[in-house]
Amino acid sequence: MAGYRAEDDYDYLFKVVLIGDSGVGKSNLLSRFTRNEFSLESKSTIGVEFATRSLNVDGKVIKAQIWDTAGQERWILGDLDLLQLVL
């Protein structure tokens, strides 16, 4: 089938963890990037939210796995091998 790509068919995979205090907009950032939605009346995340988005950049498929920590960074980052902060 022309144009079909399997779900795990990508060239690069980036795993992104959104960290920050509760109520600063991490969930809306995730929602806007993955579903192109934004809500002024969003509720606090309970636990962890996860979403993915694939992008085509210069003919390469880039998949982003994005985690919203709900302000619980010590839980999600417990066994992390690498952490890069972008400010």
PDB file of N, CA and C in Angstrom:
ATOM      1  N   MET A   1       0.846  -1.172   0.000  1.00  0.00           N
ATOM      2  CA  MET A   1       0.000   0.000   0.000  1.00  0.00           C
ATOM      3  C   MET A   1       0.897   1.243   0.000  1.00  0.00           C
ATOM      4  N   ALA A   2       0.775   2.092  -0.957  1.00  0.00           N
ATOM      5  CA  ALA A   2       1.626   3.279  -1.077  1.00  0.00           C
ATOM      6  C   ALA A   2       1.376   4.246   0.075  1.00  0.00           C
ATOM      7  N   GLY A   3       2.450   4.779   0.618  1.00  0.00           N
ATOM      8  CA  GLY A   3       2.327   5.776   1.673  1.00  0.00           C
ATOM      9  C   GLY A   3       2.106   5.201   3.059  1.00  0.00           C
ATOM     10  N   TYR A   4       1.971   3.898   3.188  1.00  0.00           N
ATOM     11  CA  TYR A   4       1.722   3.302   4.496  1.00  0.00           C
ATOM     12  C   TYR A   4       3.025   3.114   5.257  1.00  0.00           C
ATOM     13  N   ARG A   5       3.008   3.467   6.527  1.00  0.00           N
ATOM     14  CA  ARG A   5       4.160   3.234   7.404  1.00  0.00           C
ATOM     15  C   ARG A   5       3.642   2.598   8.681  1.00  0.00           C
ATOM     16  N   ALA A   6       4.283   1.548   9.123  1.00  0.00           N
ATOM     17  CA  ALA A   6       3.897   0.903  10.376  1.00  0.00           C
ATOM     18  C   ALA A   6       4.106   1.864  11.539  1.00  0.00           C
ATOM     19  N   GLU A   7       3.398   1.633  12.637  1.00  0.00           N
ATOM     20  CA  GLU A   7       3.472   2.503  13.807  1.00  0.00           C
ATOM     21  C   GLU A   7       4.903   2.653  14.326  1.00  0.00           C
ATOM     22  N   ASP A   8       5.687   1.591  14.293  1.00  0.00           N
ATOM     23  CA  ASP A   8       7.056   1.676  14.807  1.00  0.00           C
ATOM     24  C   ASP A   8       8.084   1.905  13.703  1.00  0.00           C
ATOM     25  N   ASP A   9       7.636   2.365  12.559  1.00  0.00           N
ATOM     26  CA  ASP A   9       8.524   2.626  11.433  1.00  0.00           C
ATOM     27  C   ASP A   9       8.944   4.097  11.462  1.00  0.00           C
ATOM     28  N   TYR A  10      10.101   4.364  12.044  1.00  0.00           N
ATOM     29  CA  TYR A  10      10.602   5.726  12.149  1.00  0.00           C
ATOM     30  C   TYR A  10      12.118   5.691  12.049  1.00  0.00           C
ATOM     31  N   ASP A  11      12.685   6.827  11.715  1.00  0.00           N
ATOM     32  CA  ASP A  11      14.136   6.932  11.591  1.00  0.00           C
ATOM     33  C   ASP A  11      14.801   7.353  12.901  1.00  0.00           C
ATOM     34  N   TYR A  12      14.131   8.215  13.641  1.00  0.00           N
ATOM     35  CA  TYR A  12      14.672   8.700  14.911  1.00  0.00           C
ATOM     36  C   TYR A  12      13.558   8.710  15.946  1.00  0.00           C
ATOM     37  N   LEU A  13      13.913   8.385  17.177  1.00  0.00           N
ATOM     38  CA  LEU A  13      12.962   8.407  18.284  1.00  0.00           C
ATOM     39  C   LEU A  13      13.511   9.319  19.376  1.00  0.00           C
ATOM     40  N   PHE A  14      12.700  10.286  19.786  1.00  0.00           N
ATOM     41  CA  PHE A  14      13.060  11.169  20.886  1.00  0.00           C
ATOM     42  C   PHE A  14      12.064  10.951  22.010  1.00  0.00           C
ATOM     43  N   LYS A  15      12.577  10.747  23.208  1.00  0.00           N
ATOM     44  CA  LYS A  15      11.739  10.611  24.394  1.00  0.00           C
ATOM     45  C   LYS A  15      11.874  11.895  25.193  1.00  0.00           C
ATOM     46  N   VAL A  16      10.744  12.558  25.413  1.00  0.00           N
ATOM     47  CA  VAL A  16      10.726  13.877  26.040  1.00  0.00           C
ATOM     48  C   VAL A  16       9.899  13.800  27.317  1.00  0.00           C
ATOM     49  N   VAL A  17      10.435  14.323  28.408  1.00  0.00           N
ATOM     50  CA  VAL A  17       9.708  14.393  29.670  1.00  0.00           C
ATOM     51  C   VAL A  17       9.472  15.861  29.993  1.00  0.00           C
ATOM     52  N   LEU A  18       8.203  16.236  30.139  1.00  0.00           N
ATOM     53  CA  LEU A  18       7.856  17.604  30.514  1.00  0.00           C
ATOM     54  C   LEU A  18       7.888  17.695  32.033  1.00  0.00           C
ATOM     55  N   ILE A  19       8.703  18.586  32.559  1.00  0.00           N
ATOM     56  CA  ILE A  19       8.798  18.744  34.006  1.00  0.00           C
ATOM     57  C   ILE A  19       8.492  20.180  34.385  1.00  0.00           C
ATOM     58  N   GLY A  20       7.981  20.347  35.580  1.00  0.00           N
ATOM     59  CA  GLY A  20       7.659  21.671  36.081  1.00  0.00           C
ATOM     60  C   GLY A  20       6.616  21.580  37.171  1.00  0.00           C
ATOM     61  N   ASP A  21       6.405  22.668  37.854  1.00  0.00           N
ATOM     62  CA  ASP A  21       5.418  22.709  38.928  1.00  0.00           C
ATOM     63  C   ASP A  21       4.028  22.410  38.393  1.00  0.00           C
ATOM     64  N   SER A  22       3.167  21.966  39.280  1.00  0.00           N
ATOM     65  CA  SER A  22       1.779  21.696  38.928  1.00  0.00           C
ATOM     66  C   SER A  22       1.094  22.994  38.497  1.00  0.00           C
ATOM     67  N   GLY A  23       0.315  22.922  37.426  1.00  0.00           N
ATOM     68  CA  GLY A  23      -0.472  24.071  36.989  1.00  0.00           C
ATOM     69  C   GLY A  23       0.227  25.052  36.069  1.00  0.00           C
ATOM     70  N   VAL A  24       1.425  24.724  35.563  1.00  0.00           N
ATOM     71  CA  VAL A  24       2.144  25.677  34.712  1.00  0.00           C
ATOM     72  C   VAL A  24       1.856  25.505  33.219  1.00  0.00           C
ATOM     73  N   GLY A  25       1.157  24.432  32.813  1.00  0.00           N
ATOM     74  CA  GLY A  25       0.787  24.271  31.413  1.00  0.00           C
ATOM     75  C   GLY A  25       1.430  23.110  30.684  1.00  0.00           C
ATOM     76  N   LYS A  26       2.020  22.171  31.403  1.00  0.00           N
ATOM     77  CA  LYS A  26       2.658  21.017  30.752  1.00  0.00           C
ATOM     78  C   LYS A  26       1.651  20.212  29.936  1.00  0.00           C
ATOM     79  N   SER A  27       0.468  19.979  30.487  1.00  0.00           N
ATOM     80  CA  SER A  27      -0.559  19.194  29.788  1.00  0.00           C
ATOM     81  C   SER A  27      -1.037  19.900  28.528  1.00  0.00           C
ATOM     82  N   ASN A  28      -1.187  21.216  28.586  1.00  0.00           N
ATOM     83  CA  ASN A  28      -1.599  21.958  27.398  1.00  0.00           C
ATOM     84  C   ASN A  28      -0.509  21.971  26.334  1.00  0.00           C
ATOM     85  N   LEU A  29       0.739  22.001  26.743  1.00  0.00           N
ATOM     86  CA  LEU A  29       1.847  21.903  25.794  1.00  0.00           C
ATOM     87  C   LEU A  29       1.801  20.554  25.078  1.00  0.00           C
ATOM     88  N   LEU A  30       1.595  19.483  25.837  1.00  0.00           N
ATOM     89  CA  LEU A  30       1.474  18.137  25.272  1.00  0.00           C
ATOM     90  C   LEU A  30       0.281  18.048  24.330  1.00  0.00           C
ATOM     91  N   SER A  31      -0.857  18.534  24.767  1.00  0.00           N
ATOM     92  CA  SER A  31      -2.082  18.483  23.968  1.00  0.00           C
ATOM     93  C   SER A  31      -1.950  19.292  22.681  1.00  0.00           C
ATOM     94  N   ARG A  32      -1.356  20.451  22.768  1.00  0.00           N
ATOM     95  CA  ARG A  32      -1.194  21.316  21.594  1.00  0.00           C
ATOM     96  C   ARG A  32      -0.259  20.679  20.564  1.00  0.00           C
ATOM     97  N   PHE A  33       0.833  20.103  21.019  1.00  0.00           N
ATOM     98  CA  PHE A  33       1.809  19.512  20.110  1.00  0.00           C
ATOM     99  C   PHE A  33       1.310  18.214  19.477  1.00  0.00           C
ATOM    100  N   THR A  34       0.612  17.376  20.243  1.00  0.00           N
ATOM    101  CA  THR A  34       0.219  16.060  19.729  1.00  0.00           C
ATOM    102  C   THR A  34      -1.165  16.027  19.098  1.00  0.00           C
ATOM    103  N   ARG A  35      -2.095  16.874  19.556  1.00  0.00           N
ATOM    104  CA  ARG A  35      -3.468  16.839  19.033  1.00  0.00           C
ATOM    105  C   ARG A  35      -3.946  18.183  18.489  1.00  0.00           C
ATOM    106  N   ASN A  36      -3.075  19.199  18.522  1.00  0.00           N
ATOM    107  CA  ASN A  36      -3.413  20.558  18.093  1.00  0.00           C
ATOM    108  C   ASN A  36      -4.645  21.094  18.830  1.00  0.00           C
ATOM    109  N   GLU A  37      -4.710  20.816  20.130  1.00  0.00           N
ATOM    110  CA  GLU A  37      -5.805  21.286  20.977  1.00  0.00           C
ATOM    111  C   GLU A  37      -5.230  22.123  22.118  1.00  0.00           C
ATOM    112  N   PHE A  38      -6.033  23.064  22.607  1.00  0.00           N
ATOM    113  CA  PHE A  38      -5.639  23.869  23.761  1.00  0.00           C
ATOM    114  C   PHE A  38      -6.895  24.191  24.552  1.00  0.00           C
ATOM    115  N   SER A  39      -6.829  24.036  25.861  1.00  0.00           N
ATOM    116  CA  SER A  39      -7.990  24.292  26.704  1.00  0.00           C
ATOM    117  C   SER A  39      -7.623  25.269  27.812  1.00  0.00           C
ATOM    118  N   LEU A  40      -8.408  26.309  27.938  1.00  0.00           N
ATOM    119  CA  LEU A  40      -8.205  27.253  29.035  1.00  0.00           C
ATOM    120  C   LEU A  40      -8.740  26.694  30.346  1.00  0.00           C
ATOM    121  N   GLU A  41      -9.525  25.622  30.270  1.00  0.00           N
ATOM    122  CA  GLU A  41     -10.155  25.048  31.457  1.00  0.00           C
ATOM    123  C   GLU A  41      -9.648  23.634  31.730  1.00  0.00           C
ATOM    124  N   SER A  42      -8.385  23.375  31.482  1.00  0.00           N
ATOM    125  CA  SER A  42      -7.854  22.026  31.702  1.00  0.00           C
ATOM    126  C   SER A  42      -7.728  21.743  33.195  1.00  0.00           C
ATOM    127  N   LYS A  43      -7.840  20.466  33.526  1.00  0.00           N
ATOM    128  CA  LYS A  43      -7.739  20.027  34.912  1.00  0.00           C
ATOM    129  C   LYS A  43      -6.341  19.478  35.169  1.00  0.00           C
ATOM    130  N   SER A  44      -5.957  19.433  36.421  1.00  0.00           N
ATOM    131  CA  SER A  44      -4.641  18.903  36.793  1.00  0.00           C
ATOM    132  C   SER A  44      -4.526  17.441  36.391  1.00  0.00           C
ATOM    133  N   THR A  45      -3.361  17.076  35.896  1.00  0.00           N
ATOM    134  CA  THR A  45      -3.094  15.693  35.523  1.00  0.00           C
ATOM    135  C   THR A  45      -2.911  14.862  36.781  1.00  0.00           C
ATOM    136  N   ILE A  46      -3.501  13.672  36.778  1.00  0.00           N
ATOM    137  CA  ILE A  46      -3.312  12.727  37.875  1.00  0.00           C
ATOM    138  C   ILE A  46      -2.431  11.607  37.346  1.00  0.00           C
ATOM    139  N   GLY A  47      -1.328  11.354  38.007  1.00  0.00           N
ATOM    140  CA  GLY A  47      -0.401  10.329  37.530  1.00  0.00           C
ATOM    141  C   GLY A  47       0.471  10.874  36.419  1.00  0.00           C
ATOM    142  N   VAL A  48       0.520  10.137  35.310  1.00  0.00           N
ATOM    143  CA  VAL A  48       1.361  10.510  34.175  1.00  0.00           C
ATOM    144  C   VAL A  48       0.543  10.398  32.898  1.00  0.00           C
ATOM    145  N   GLU A  49       0.678  11.367  32.009  1.00  0.00           N
ATOM    146  CA  GLU A  49       0.031  11.316  30.695  1.00  0.00           C
ATOM    147  C   GLU A  49       1.122  11.117  29.651  1.00  0.00           C
ATOM    148  N   PHE A  50       0.781  10.396  28.595  1.00  0.00           N
ATOM    149  CA  PHE A  50       1.753  10.031  27.571  1.00  0.00           C
ATOM    150  C   PHE A  50       1.110  10.199  26.200  1.00  0.00           C
ATOM    151  N   ALA A  51       1.853  10.749  25.246  1.00  0.00           N
ATOM    152  CA  ALA A  51       1.358  10.872  23.872  1.00  0.00           C
ATOM    153  C   ALA A  51       2.544  10.822  22.914  1.00  0.00           C
ATOM    154  N   THR A  52       2.245  10.539  21.651  1.00  0.00           N
ATOM    155  CA  THR A  52       3.293  10.502  20.630  1.00  0.00           C
ATOM    156  C   THR A  52       2.883  11.347  19.437  1.00  0.00           C
ATOM    157  N   ARG A  53       3.888  11.749  18.698  1.00  0.00           N
ATOM    158  CA  ARG A  53       3.651  12.445  17.430  1.00  0.00           C
ATOM    159  C   ARG A  53       4.823  12.150  16.514  1.00  0.00           C
ATOM    160  N   SER A  54       4.515  11.872  15.267  1.00  0.00           N
ATOM    161  CA  SER A  54       5.551  11.647  14.264  1.00  0.00           C
ATOM    162  C   SER A  54       5.578  12.821  13.305  1.00  0.00           C
ATOM    163  N   LEU A  55       6.776  13.245  12.956  1.00  0.00           N
ATOM    164  CA  LEU A  55       6.980  14.361  12.038  1.00  0.00           C
ATOM    165  C   LEU A  55       7.892  13.910  10.912  1.00  0.00           C
ATOM    166  N   ASN A  56       7.710  14.473   9.744  1.00  0.00           N
ATOM    167  CA  ASN A  56       8.592  14.201   8.620  1.00  0.00           C
ATOM    168  C   ASN A  56       9.485  15.423   8.428  1.00  0.00           C
ATOM    169  N   VAL A  57      10.782  15.232   8.609  1.00  0.00           N
ATOM    170  CA  VAL A  57      11.753  16.319   8.476  1.00  0.00           C
ATOM    171  C   VAL A  57      12.828  15.876   7.492  1.00  0.00           C
ATOM    172  N   ASP A  58      12.930  16.575   6.388  1.00  0.00           N
ATOM    173  CA  ASP A  58      13.926  16.259   5.353  1.00  0.00           C
ATOM    174  C   ASP A  58      13.875  14.795   4.933  1.00  0.00           C
ATOM    175  N   GLY A  59      12.659  14.264   4.792  1.00  0.00           N
ATOM    176  CA  GLY A  59      12.488  12.886   4.339  1.00  0.00           C
ATOM    177  C   GLY A  59      12.700  11.834   5.402  1.00  0.00           C
ATOM    178  N   LYS A  60      12.967  12.233   6.629  1.00  0.00           N
ATOM    179  CA  LYS A  60      13.150  11.304   7.744  1.00  0.00           C
ATOM    180  C   LYS A  60      11.944  11.402   8.673  1.00  0.00           C
ATOM    181  N   VAL A  61      11.499  10.256   9.179  1.00  0.00           N
ATOM    182  CA  VAL A  61      10.394  10.240  10.131  1.00  0.00           C
ATOM    183  C   VAL A  61      10.973  10.314  11.540  1.00  0.00           C
ATOM    184  N   ILE A  62      10.546  11.338  12.262  1.00  0.00           N
ATOM    185  CA  ILE A  62      10.987  11.551  13.633  1.00  0.00           C
ATOM    186  C   ILE A  62       9.781  11.347  14.536  1.00  0.00           C
ATOM    187  N   LYS A  63       9.912  10.427  15.476  1.00  0.00           N
ATOM    188  CA  LYS A  63       8.831  10.142  16.408  1.00  0.00           C
ATOM    189  C   LYS A  63       9.205  10.697  17.775  1.00  0.00           C
ATOM    190  N   ALA A  64       8.283  11.429  18.374  1.00  0.00           N
ATOM    191  CA  ALA A  64       8.486  11.969  19.715  1.00  0.00           C
ATOM    192  C   ALA A  64       7.531  11.269  20.673  1.00  0.00           C
ATOM    193  N   GLN A  65       8.072  10.680  21.725  1.00  0.00           N
ATOM    194  CA  GLN A  65       7.278  10.140  22.823  1.00  0.00           C
ATOM    195  C   GLN A  65       7.365  11.172  23.939  1.00  0.00           C
ATOM    196  N   ILE A  66       6.221  11.710  24.335  1.00  0.00           N
ATOM    197  CA  ILE A  66       6.217  12.826  25.275  1.00  0.00           C
ATOM    198  C   ILE A  66       5.450  12.432  26.535  1.00  0.00           C
ATOM    199  N   TRP A  67       6.084  12.639  27.671  1.00  0.00           N
ATOM    200  CA  TRP A  67       5.507  12.296  28.970  1.00  0.00           C
ATOM    201  C   TRP A  67       5.219  13.572  29.747  1.00  0.00           C
ATOM    202  N   ASP A  68       4.016  13.666  30.295  1.00  0.00           N
ATOM    203  CA  ASP A  68       3.604  14.767  31.168  1.00  0.00           C
ATOM    204  C   ASP A  68       3.598  14.223  32.595  1.00  0.00           C
ATOM    205  N   THR A  69       4.460  14.755  33.444  1.00  0.00           N
ATOM    206  CA  THR A  69       4.693  14.184  34.773  1.00  0.00           C
ATOM    207  C   THR A  69       3.725  14.634  35.855  1.00  0.00           C
ATOM    208  N   ALA A  70       2.863  15.569  35.599  1.00  0.00           N
ATOM    209  CA  ALA A  70       1.920  16.086  36.596  1.00  0.00           C
ATOM    210  C   ALA A  70       2.629  16.649  37.826  1.00  0.00           C
ATOM    211  N   GLY A  71       3.830  17.191  37.621  1.00  0.00           N
ATOM    212  CA  GLY A  71       4.579  17.758  38.734  1.00  0.00           C
ATOM    213  C   GLY A  71       5.203  16.709  39.638  1.00  0.00           C
ATOM    214  N   GLN A  72       5.334  15.463  39.154  1.00  0.00           N
ATOM    215  CA  GLN A  72       5.867  14.357  39.956  1.00  0.00           C
ATOM    216  C   GLN A  72       7.200  13.884  39.392  1.00  0.00           C
ATOM    217  N   GLU A  73       8.121  14.800  39.174  1.00  0.00           N
ATOM    218  CA  GLU A  73       9.381  14.476  38.520  1.00  0.00           C
ATOM    219  C   GLU A  73      10.194  13.435  39.277  1.00  0.00           C
ATOM    220  N   ARG A  74      10.155  13.449  40.580  1.00  0.00           N
ATOM    221  CA  ARG A  74      10.967  12.484  41.333  1.00  0.00           C
ATOM    222  C   ARG A  74      10.509  11.059  41.050  1.00  0.00           C
ATOM    223  N   TRP A  75       9.248  10.856  40.703  1.00  0.00           N
ATOM    224  CA  TRP A  75       8.740   9.521  40.379  1.00  0.00           C
ATOM    225  C   TRP A  75       9.179   9.090  38.982  1.00  0.00           C
ATOM    226  N   ILE A  76       8.988   9.927  37.996  1.00  0.00           N
ATOM    227  CA  ILE A  76       9.267   9.550  36.600  1.00  0.00           C
ATOM    228  C   ILE A  76      10.763   9.544  36.298  1.00  0.00           C
ATOM    229  N   LEU A  77      11.550  10.341  36.983  1.00  0.00           N
ATOM    230  CA  LEU A  77      12.972  10.452  36.688  1.00  0.00           C
ATOM    231  C   LEU A  77      13.838   9.542  37.554  1.00  0.00           C
ATOM    232  N   GLY A  78      13.236   8.640  38.291  1.00  0.00           N
ATOM    233  CA  GLY A  78      13.954   7.805  39.236  1.00  0.00           C
ATOM    234  C   GLY A  78      15.111   7.014  38.659  1.00  0.00           C
ATOM    235  N   ASP A  79      14.959   6.384  37.492  1.00  0.00           N
ATOM    236  CA  ASP A  79      16.022   5.546  36.927  1.00  0.00           C
ATOM    237  C   ASP A  79      16.518   6.081  35.586  1.00  0.00           C
ATOM    238  N   LEU A  80      16.536   7.378  35.455  1.00  0.00           N
ATOM    239  CA  LEU A  80      16.924   8.024  34.209  1.00  0.00           C
ATOM    240  C   LEU A  80      18.428   7.934  33.987  1.00  0.00           C
ATOM    241  N   ASP A  81      18.833   7.619  32.757  1.00  0.00           N
ATOM    242  CA  ASP A  81      20.248   7.557  32.414  1.00  0.00           C
ATOM    243  C   ASP A  81      20.815   8.921  32.025  1.00  0.00           C
ATOM    244  N   LEU A  82      19.986   9.758  31.392  1.00  0.00           N
ATOM    245  CA  LEU A  82      20.445  11.057  30.909  1.00  0.00           C
ATOM    246  C   LEU A  82      19.319  12.061  31.066  1.00  0.00           C
ATOM    247  N   LEU A  83      19.647  13.239  31.518  1.00  0.00           N
ATOM    248  CA  LEU A  83      18.680  14.324  31.622  1.00  0.00           C
ATOM    249  C   LEU A  83      19.291  15.560  30.994  1.00  0.00           C
ATOM    250  N   GLN A  84      18.611  16.110  30.004  1.00  0.00           N
ATOM    251  CA  GLN A  84      19.069  17.347  29.374  1.00  0.00           C
ATOM    252  C   GLN A  84      17.981  18.385  29.565  1.00  0.00           C
ATOM    253  N   LEU A  85      18.308  19.467  30.211  1.00  0.00           N
ATOM    254  CA  LEU A  85      17.354  20.539  30.445  1.00  0.00           C
ATOM    255  C   LEU A  85      17.501  21.592  29.367  1.00  0.00           C
ATOM    256  N   VAL A  86      16.370  22.015  28.825  1.00  0.00           N
ATOM    257  CA  VAL A  86      16.354  23.075  27.827  1.00  0.00           C
ATOM    258  C   VAL A  86      15.548  24.216  28.414  1.00  0.00           C
ATOM    259  N   LEU A  87      16.190  25.339  28.620  1.00  0.00           N
ATOM    260  CA  LEU A  87      15.514  26.487  29.226  1.00  0.00           C
ATOM    261  C   LEU A  87      15.283  27.563  28.210  1.00  0.00           C
TER     262      LEU A  87
END
